[in-house]
């Protein structure tokens, strides 16, 4: 599902990640652990098509994260450390908004938002 091959990202000549290789199969769950500066955020930004690598290749669901970024991003969910939330939106409004951005068919939005609220334990705060 995710394949990273010889991925390198340099900032001003200094490597943030260097020759990184890994694969994540469909249905697998993987976490990045490591100290600050280990390259976790840089790797996720590359996978989410937020920034290009200096060299190497990354694919999500077989789609190159830069050559086919829209298709790759359709198969990846990523929540950065500092998430851009809209404080004036209630939980359901925000999830409806995100569903629209993800292209969830209108007839399925209520069902999918309900599923997400249940899965993430948001039922207790849905009025907030």
N, C-alpha and C. Protein backbone atom coordinates (compact mmCIF):
# COMPACT_ATOMS: atom_id res chain seq x y z
N UNK A 1 0.82 -1.20 0.00
CA UNK A 1 0.00 0.00 0.00
C UNK A 1 0.87 1.27 0.00
N UNK A 2 1.92 1.26 0.83
CA UNK A 2 2.90 2.35 0.83
C UNK A 2 4.26 1.74 0.58
N UNK A 3 4.98 2.33 -0.36
CA UNK A 3 6.32 1.85 -0.66
C UNK A 3 7.26 3.05 -0.77
N UNK A 4 8.33 3.00 0.00
CA UNK A 4 9.33 4.06 0.02
C UNK A 4 10.65 3.45 -0.37
N UNK A 5 11.29 4.03 -1.38
CA UNK A 5 12.54 3.49 -1.91
C UNK A 5 13.62 4.57 -1.96
N UNK A 6 14.67 4.37 -1.19
CA UNK A 6 15.84 5.26 -1.21
C UNK A 6 15.47 6.73 -1.05
N UNK A 7 14.50 7.00 -0.20
CA UNK A 7 14.01 8.36 -0.03
C UNK A 7 15.01 9.21 0.76
N UNK A 8 15.34 10.35 0.20
CA UNK A 8 16.26 11.29 0.84
C UNK A 8 15.67 12.69 0.73
N UNK A 9 15.80 13.44 1.81
CA UNK A 9 15.42 14.85 1.80
C UNK A 9 16.51 15.62 2.53
N UNK A 10 17.05 16.63 1.83
CA UNK A 10 18.10 17.46 2.40
C UNK A 10 17.57 18.89 2.53
N UNK A 11 17.95 19.52 3.62
CA UNK A 11 17.69 20.94 3.84
C UNK A 11 19.05 21.61 3.92
N UNK A 12 19.33 22.51 3.00
CA UNK A 12 20.62 23.21 2.96
C UNK A 12 21.78 22.23 3.05
N UNK A 13 21.65 21.13 2.32
CA UNK A 13 22.71 20.13 2.28
C UNK A 13 22.71 19.14 3.43
N UNK A 14 21.94 19.42 4.47
CA UNK A 14 21.89 18.55 5.65
C UNK A 14 20.75 17.53 5.47
N UNK A 15 21.03 16.22 5.58
CA UNK A 15 19.96 15.24 5.38
C UNK A 15 18.99 15.18 6.56
N UNK A 16 17.70 15.29 6.26
CA UNK A 16 16.66 15.06 7.27
C UNK A 16 16.32 13.57 7.27
N UNK A 17 16.26 12.99 6.08
CA UNK A 17 16.15 11.53 5.91
C UNK A 17 17.12 11.15 4.80
N UNK A 18 17.67 9.96 4.89
CA UNK A 18 18.65 9.54 3.89
C UNK A 18 18.48 8.07 3.57
N UNK A 19 18.24 7.77 2.30
CA UNK A 19 18.09 6.40 1.80
C UNK A 19 17.11 5.58 2.63
N UNK A 20 15.96 6.17 2.92
CA UNK A 20 14.91 5.49 3.70
C UNK A 20 14.17 4.50 2.82
N UNK A 21 13.98 3.28 3.32
CA UNK A 21 13.26 2.22 2.61
C UNK A 21 12.30 1.54 3.58
N UNK A 22 11.04 1.41 3.17
CA UNK A 22 10.10 0.59 3.93
C UNK A 22 8.85 0.35 3.09
N UNK A 23 8.10 -0.64 3.50
CA UNK A 23 6.81 -0.95 2.86
C UNK A 23 5.77 -1.18 3.94
N UNK A 24 4.55 -0.75 3.66
CA UNK A 24 3.40 -1.01 4.52
C UNK A 24 2.35 -1.68 3.65
N UNK A 25 1.95 -2.88 4.02
CA UNK A 25 0.97 -3.62 3.25
C UNK A 25 -0.45 -3.14 3.53
N UNK A 26 -1.36 -3.48 2.65
CA UNK A 26 -2.76 -3.13 2.81
C UNK A 26 -3.28 -3.71 4.12
N UNK A 27 -3.93 -2.89 4.92
CA UNK A 27 -4.51 -3.33 6.19
C UNK A 27 -3.53 -3.28 7.36
N UNK A 28 -2.25 -3.04 7.08
CA UNK A 28 -1.27 -2.94 8.16
C UNK A 28 -1.33 -1.55 8.79
N UNK A 29 -0.96 -1.49 10.04
CA UNK A 29 -0.86 -0.21 10.76
C UNK A 29 0.60 -0.03 11.13
N UNK A 30 1.11 1.15 10.84
CA UNK A 30 2.51 1.43 11.13
C UNK A 30 2.62 2.76 11.85
N UNK A 31 3.54 2.85 12.77
CA UNK A 31 3.78 4.10 13.47
C UNK A 31 5.23 4.51 13.32
N UNK A 32 5.47 5.80 13.31
CA UNK A 32 6.83 6.33 13.30
C UNK A 32 7.21 6.72 14.72
N UNK A 33 8.26 6.14 15.23
CA UNK A 33 8.76 6.50 16.55
C UNK A 33 10.20 6.94 16.41
N UNK A 34 10.58 7.93 17.18
CA UNK A 34 11.96 8.37 17.15
C UNK A 34 12.08 9.74 17.78
N UNK A 35 13.31 10.12 18.05
CA UNK A 35 13.54 11.43 18.68
C UNK A 35 13.23 12.57 17.72
N UNK A 36 13.12 13.77 18.28
CA UNK A 36 12.95 14.95 17.45
C UNK A 36 14.11 15.02 16.46
N UNK A 37 13.78 15.37 15.23
CA UNK A 37 14.81 15.50 14.20
C UNK A 37 15.14 14.21 13.48
N UNK A 38 14.39 13.14 13.78
CA UNK A 38 14.68 11.84 13.15
C UNK A 38 14.15 11.73 11.72
N UNK A 39 13.25 12.65 11.31
CA UNK A 39 12.73 12.62 9.95
C UNK A 39 11.30 12.13 9.83
N UNK A 40 10.61 11.94 10.95
CA UNK A 40 9.24 11.43 10.91
C UNK A 40 8.30 12.39 10.16
N UNK A 41 8.31 13.64 10.54
CA UNK A 41 7.42 14.63 9.91
C UNK A 41 7.81 14.84 8.46
N UNK A 42 9.08 14.89 8.16
CA UNK A 42 9.53 15.06 6.78
C UNK A 42 9.03 13.91 5.92
N UNK A 43 9.14 12.69 6.41
CA UNK A 43 8.66 11.52 5.66
C UNK A 43 7.17 11.62 5.40
N UNK A 44 6.40 11.98 6.42
CA UNK A 44 4.95 12.09 6.24
C UNK A 44 4.59 13.22 5.27
N UNK A 45 5.31 14.32 5.32
CA UNK A 45 5.04 15.42 4.39
C UNK A 45 5.31 15.00 2.95
N UNK A 46 6.32 14.19 2.75
CA UNK A 46 6.60 13.68 1.40
C UNK A 46 5.48 12.73 0.97
N UNK A 47 5.10 11.80 1.84
CA UNK A 47 4.04 10.84 1.50
C UNK A 47 2.71 11.54 1.21
N UNK A 48 2.45 12.65 1.90
CA UNK A 48 1.21 13.39 1.70
C UNK A 48 1.32 14.42 0.58
N UNK A 49 2.41 14.39 -0.16
CA UNK A 49 2.64 15.29 -1.30
C UNK A 49 2.75 16.75 -0.89
N UNK A 50 3.11 17.03 0.35
CA UNK A 50 3.28 18.41 0.79
C UNK A 50 4.64 18.96 0.38
N UNK A 51 5.63 18.06 0.21
CA UNK A 51 6.95 18.50 -0.21
C UNK A 51 7.61 17.40 -1.02
N UNK A 52 8.45 17.77 -1.97
CA UNK A 52 9.12 16.75 -2.78
C UNK A 52 10.37 16.21 -2.07
N UNK A 53 10.74 14.97 -2.36
CA UNK A 53 12.00 14.47 -1.84
C UNK A 53 13.16 15.05 -2.65
N UNK A 54 14.34 15.01 -2.07
CA UNK A 54 15.54 15.39 -2.82
C UNK A 54 15.84 14.29 -3.84
N UNK A 55 15.67 13.04 -3.40
CA UNK A 55 15.84 11.90 -4.30
C UNK A 55 15.06 10.73 -3.73
N UNK A 56 14.94 9.69 -4.55
CA UNK A 56 14.19 8.52 -4.14
C UNK A 56 12.77 8.55 -4.67
N UNK A 57 11.98 7.59 -4.23
CA UNK A 57 10.62 7.43 -4.75
C UNK A 57 9.70 6.96 -3.64
N UNK A 58 8.45 7.42 -3.68
CA UNK A 58 7.44 6.96 -2.74
C UNK A 58 6.13 6.78 -3.48
N UNK A 59 5.44 5.69 -3.20
CA UNK A 59 4.13 5.44 -3.80
C UNK A 59 3.12 5.08 -2.71
N UNK A 60 1.88 5.46 -2.97
CA UNK A 60 0.76 5.10 -2.11
C UNK A 60 -0.27 4.44 -3.02
N UNK A 61 -0.63 3.21 -2.70
CA UNK A 61 -1.58 2.43 -3.52
C UNK A 61 -1.11 2.34 -4.97
N UNK A 62 0.20 2.32 -5.16
CA UNK A 62 0.77 2.21 -6.50
C UNK A 62 0.91 3.52 -7.25
N UNK A 63 0.47 4.62 -6.65
CA UNK A 63 0.54 5.93 -7.29
C UNK A 63 1.73 6.72 -6.75
N UNK A 64 2.54 7.26 -7.64
CA UNK A 64 3.66 8.09 -7.24
C UNK A 64 3.14 9.34 -6.53
N UNK A 65 3.71 9.66 -5.37
CA UNK A 65 3.16 10.75 -4.56
C UNK A 65 3.33 12.12 -5.20
N UNK A 66 4.17 12.24 -6.23
CA UNK A 66 4.27 13.52 -6.91
C UNK A 66 3.79 13.49 -8.34
N UNK A 67 4.03 12.43 -9.04
CA UNK A 67 3.56 12.33 -10.42
C UNK A 67 2.05 12.12 -10.47
N UNK A 68 1.50 11.46 -9.47
CA UNK A 68 0.06 11.16 -9.41
C UNK A 68 -0.46 11.51 -8.01
N UNK A 69 -0.20 12.72 -7.57
CA UNK A 69 -0.48 13.10 -6.19
C UNK A 69 -1.95 13.03 -5.81
N UNK A 70 -2.85 13.40 -6.71
CA UNK A 70 -4.28 13.35 -6.37
C UNK A 70 -4.73 11.92 -6.10
N UNK A 71 -4.30 11.00 -6.95
CA UNK A 71 -4.67 9.60 -6.76
C UNK A 71 -4.03 9.03 -5.49
N UNK A 72 -2.77 9.37 -5.25
CA UNK A 72 -2.08 8.88 -4.05
C UNK A 72 -2.75 9.41 -2.79
N UNK A 73 -3.05 10.70 -2.76
CA UNK A 73 -3.66 11.31 -1.57
C UNK A 73 -5.06 10.77 -1.30
N UNK A 74 -5.74 10.29 -2.32
CA UNK A 74 -7.07 9.71 -2.12
C UNK A 74 -7.00 8.43 -1.28
N UNK A 75 -5.81 7.85 -1.18
CA UNK A 75 -5.63 6.59 -0.44
C UNK A 75 -4.87 6.78 0.87
N UNK A 76 -4.65 8.03 1.26
CA UNK A 76 -3.86 8.30 2.45
C UNK A 76 -4.59 9.26 3.36
N UNK A 77 -4.66 8.93 4.63
CA UNK A 77 -5.18 9.84 5.63
C UNK A 77 -4.02 10.28 6.51
N UNK A 78 -3.85 11.57 6.68
CA UNK A 78 -2.73 12.09 7.46
C UNK A 78 -3.19 13.29 8.25
N UNK A 79 -2.97 13.24 9.56
CA UNK A 79 -3.28 14.38 10.41
C UNK A 79 -1.98 14.88 11.01
N UNK A 80 -1.53 16.05 10.58
CA UNK A 80 -0.26 16.57 11.09
C UNK A 80 -0.35 16.92 12.58
N UNK A 81 0.80 17.13 13.18
CA UNK A 81 0.88 17.42 14.61
C UNK A 81 0.04 18.64 14.98
N UNK A 82 0.15 19.69 14.19
CA UNK A 82 -0.65 20.90 14.41
C UNK A 82 -1.71 20.95 13.34
N UNK A 83 -2.88 20.46 13.69
CA UNK A 83 -3.95 20.30 12.72
C UNK A 83 -4.70 21.62 12.51
N UNK A 84 -5.00 21.95 11.25
CA UNK A 84 -5.73 23.19 10.99
C UNK A 84 -7.22 22.99 11.24
N UNK A 85 -7.67 23.32 12.43
CA UNK A 85 -9.09 23.20 12.76
C UNK A 85 -9.76 24.56 12.63
N UNK A 86 -11.03 24.52 12.38
CA UNK A 86 -11.83 25.72 12.32
C UNK A 86 -12.61 25.80 13.61
N UNK A 87 -12.18 26.67 14.51
CA UNK A 87 -12.76 26.73 15.86
C UNK A 87 -14.21 27.17 15.88
N UNK A 88 -14.69 27.77 14.79
CA UNK A 88 -16.08 28.20 14.76
C UNK A 88 -17.01 27.10 14.24
N UNK A 89 -16.46 25.94 13.89
CA UNK A 89 -17.27 24.82 13.41
C UNK A 89 -17.48 23.79 14.52
N UNK A 90 -18.68 23.25 14.57
CA UNK A 90 -18.97 22.16 15.50
C UNK A 90 -18.41 20.86 14.90
N UNK A 91 -18.35 19.82 15.71
CA UNK A 91 -17.76 18.55 15.29
C UNK A 91 -18.40 18.04 13.99
N UNK A 92 -19.72 17.96 13.96
CA UNK A 92 -20.41 17.43 12.79
C UNK A 92 -20.19 18.33 11.56
N UNK A 93 -20.20 19.64 11.76
CA UNK A 93 -19.95 20.55 10.64
C UNK A 93 -18.55 20.33 10.05
N UNK A 94 -17.57 20.16 10.92
CA UNK A 94 -16.21 19.95 10.45
C UNK A 94 -16.10 18.62 9.71
N UNK A 95 -16.70 17.56 10.24
CA UNK A 95 -16.64 16.26 9.58
C UNK A 95 -17.39 16.28 8.25
N UNK A 96 -18.52 16.99 8.18
CA UNK A 96 -19.23 17.16 6.91
C UNK A 96 -18.34 17.86 5.88
N UNK A 97 -17.66 18.90 6.35
CA UNK A 97 -16.74 19.66 5.49
C UNK A 97 -15.63 18.77 4.97
N UNK A 98 -15.01 17.98 5.86
CA UNK A 98 -13.93 17.08 5.45
C UNK A 98 -14.44 16.01 4.48
N UNK A 99 -15.66 15.52 4.70
CA UNK A 99 -16.24 14.53 3.79
C UNK A 99 -16.39 15.12 2.39
N UNK A 100 -16.82 16.37 2.32
CA UNK A 100 -16.96 17.03 1.02
C UNK A 100 -15.60 17.18 0.35
N UNK A 101 -14.58 17.54 1.12
CA UNK A 101 -13.23 17.67 0.55
C UNK A 101 -12.73 16.34 0.02
N UNK A 102 -13.09 15.25 0.69
CA UNK A 102 -12.64 13.91 0.29
C UNK A 102 -13.50 13.32 -0.82
N UNK A 103 -14.58 14.02 -1.20
CA UNK A 103 -15.42 13.53 -2.30
C UNK A 103 -16.39 12.43 -1.90
N UNK A 104 -16.75 12.37 -0.62
CA UNK A 104 -17.74 11.38 -0.20
C UNK A 104 -19.08 11.76 -0.84
N UNK A 105 -19.73 10.82 -1.52
CA UNK A 105 -21.02 11.13 -2.14
C UNK A 105 -22.01 11.68 -1.11
N UNK A 106 -22.74 12.72 -1.51
CA UNK A 106 -23.66 13.42 -0.59
C UNK A 106 -24.61 12.46 0.13
N UNK A 107 -25.09 11.47 -0.57
CA UNK A 107 -26.05 10.53 0.03
C UNK A 107 -25.42 9.66 1.11
N UNK A 108 -24.09 9.60 1.17
CA UNK A 108 -23.40 8.75 2.16
C UNK A 108 -22.75 9.55 3.29
N UNK A 109 -22.80 10.89 3.21
CA UNK A 109 -22.09 11.72 4.19
C UNK A 109 -22.58 11.45 5.62
N UNK A 110 -23.87 11.48 5.85
CA UNK A 110 -24.39 11.29 7.21
C UNK A 110 -23.96 9.94 7.78
N UNK A 111 -24.04 8.90 6.98
CA UNK A 111 -23.63 7.56 7.42
C UNK A 111 -22.14 7.52 7.75
N UNK A 112 -21.31 8.05 6.85
CA UNK A 112 -19.86 8.03 7.06
C UNK A 112 -19.44 8.89 8.25
N UNK A 113 -20.06 10.07 8.39
CA UNK A 113 -19.75 10.94 9.54
C UNK A 113 -20.14 10.24 10.83
N UNK A 114 -21.28 9.57 10.84
CA UNK A 114 -21.69 8.80 12.02
C UNK A 114 -20.69 7.70 12.34
N UNK A 115 -20.21 7.01 11.31
CA UNK A 115 -19.21 5.95 11.51
C UNK A 115 -17.93 6.52 12.13
N UNK A 116 -17.49 7.66 11.61
CA UNK A 116 -16.25 8.27 12.10
C UNK A 116 -16.43 8.73 13.55
N UNK A 117 -17.57 9.33 13.86
CA UNK A 117 -17.81 9.76 15.24
C UNK A 117 -17.79 8.58 16.20
N UNK A 118 -18.37 7.48 15.79
CA UNK A 118 -18.37 6.27 16.61
C UNK A 118 -16.95 5.72 16.76
N UNK A 119 -16.26 5.60 15.66
CA UNK A 119 -14.91 5.05 15.65
C UNK A 119 -13.94 5.87 16.50
N UNK A 120 -14.09 7.20 16.46
CA UNK A 120 -13.15 8.09 17.15
C UNK A 120 -13.65 8.54 18.53
N UNK A 121 -14.77 8.01 18.98
CA UNK A 121 -15.28 8.38 20.30
C UNK A 121 -15.74 9.82 20.39
N UNK A 122 -16.35 10.33 19.32
CA UNK A 122 -16.77 11.72 19.27
C UNK A 122 -18.25 11.92 19.58
N UNK A 123 -18.98 10.86 19.84
CA UNK A 123 -20.42 10.97 20.10
C UNK A 123 -20.68 11.91 21.28
N UNK A 124 -19.82 11.83 22.33
CA UNK A 124 -20.03 12.64 23.54
C UNK A 124 -19.82 14.13 23.30
N UNK A 125 -19.06 14.48 22.27
CA UNK A 125 -18.75 15.89 22.03
C UNK A 125 -19.36 16.42 20.74
N UNK A 126 -20.25 15.65 20.12
CA UNK A 126 -20.74 16.07 18.82
C UNK A 126 -21.54 17.37 18.86
N UNK A 127 -22.03 17.79 20.01
CA UNK A 127 -22.75 19.07 20.11
C UNK A 127 -21.81 20.23 20.29
N UNK A 128 -20.55 19.96 20.57
CA UNK A 128 -19.55 21.02 20.80
C UNK A 128 -19.06 21.59 19.48
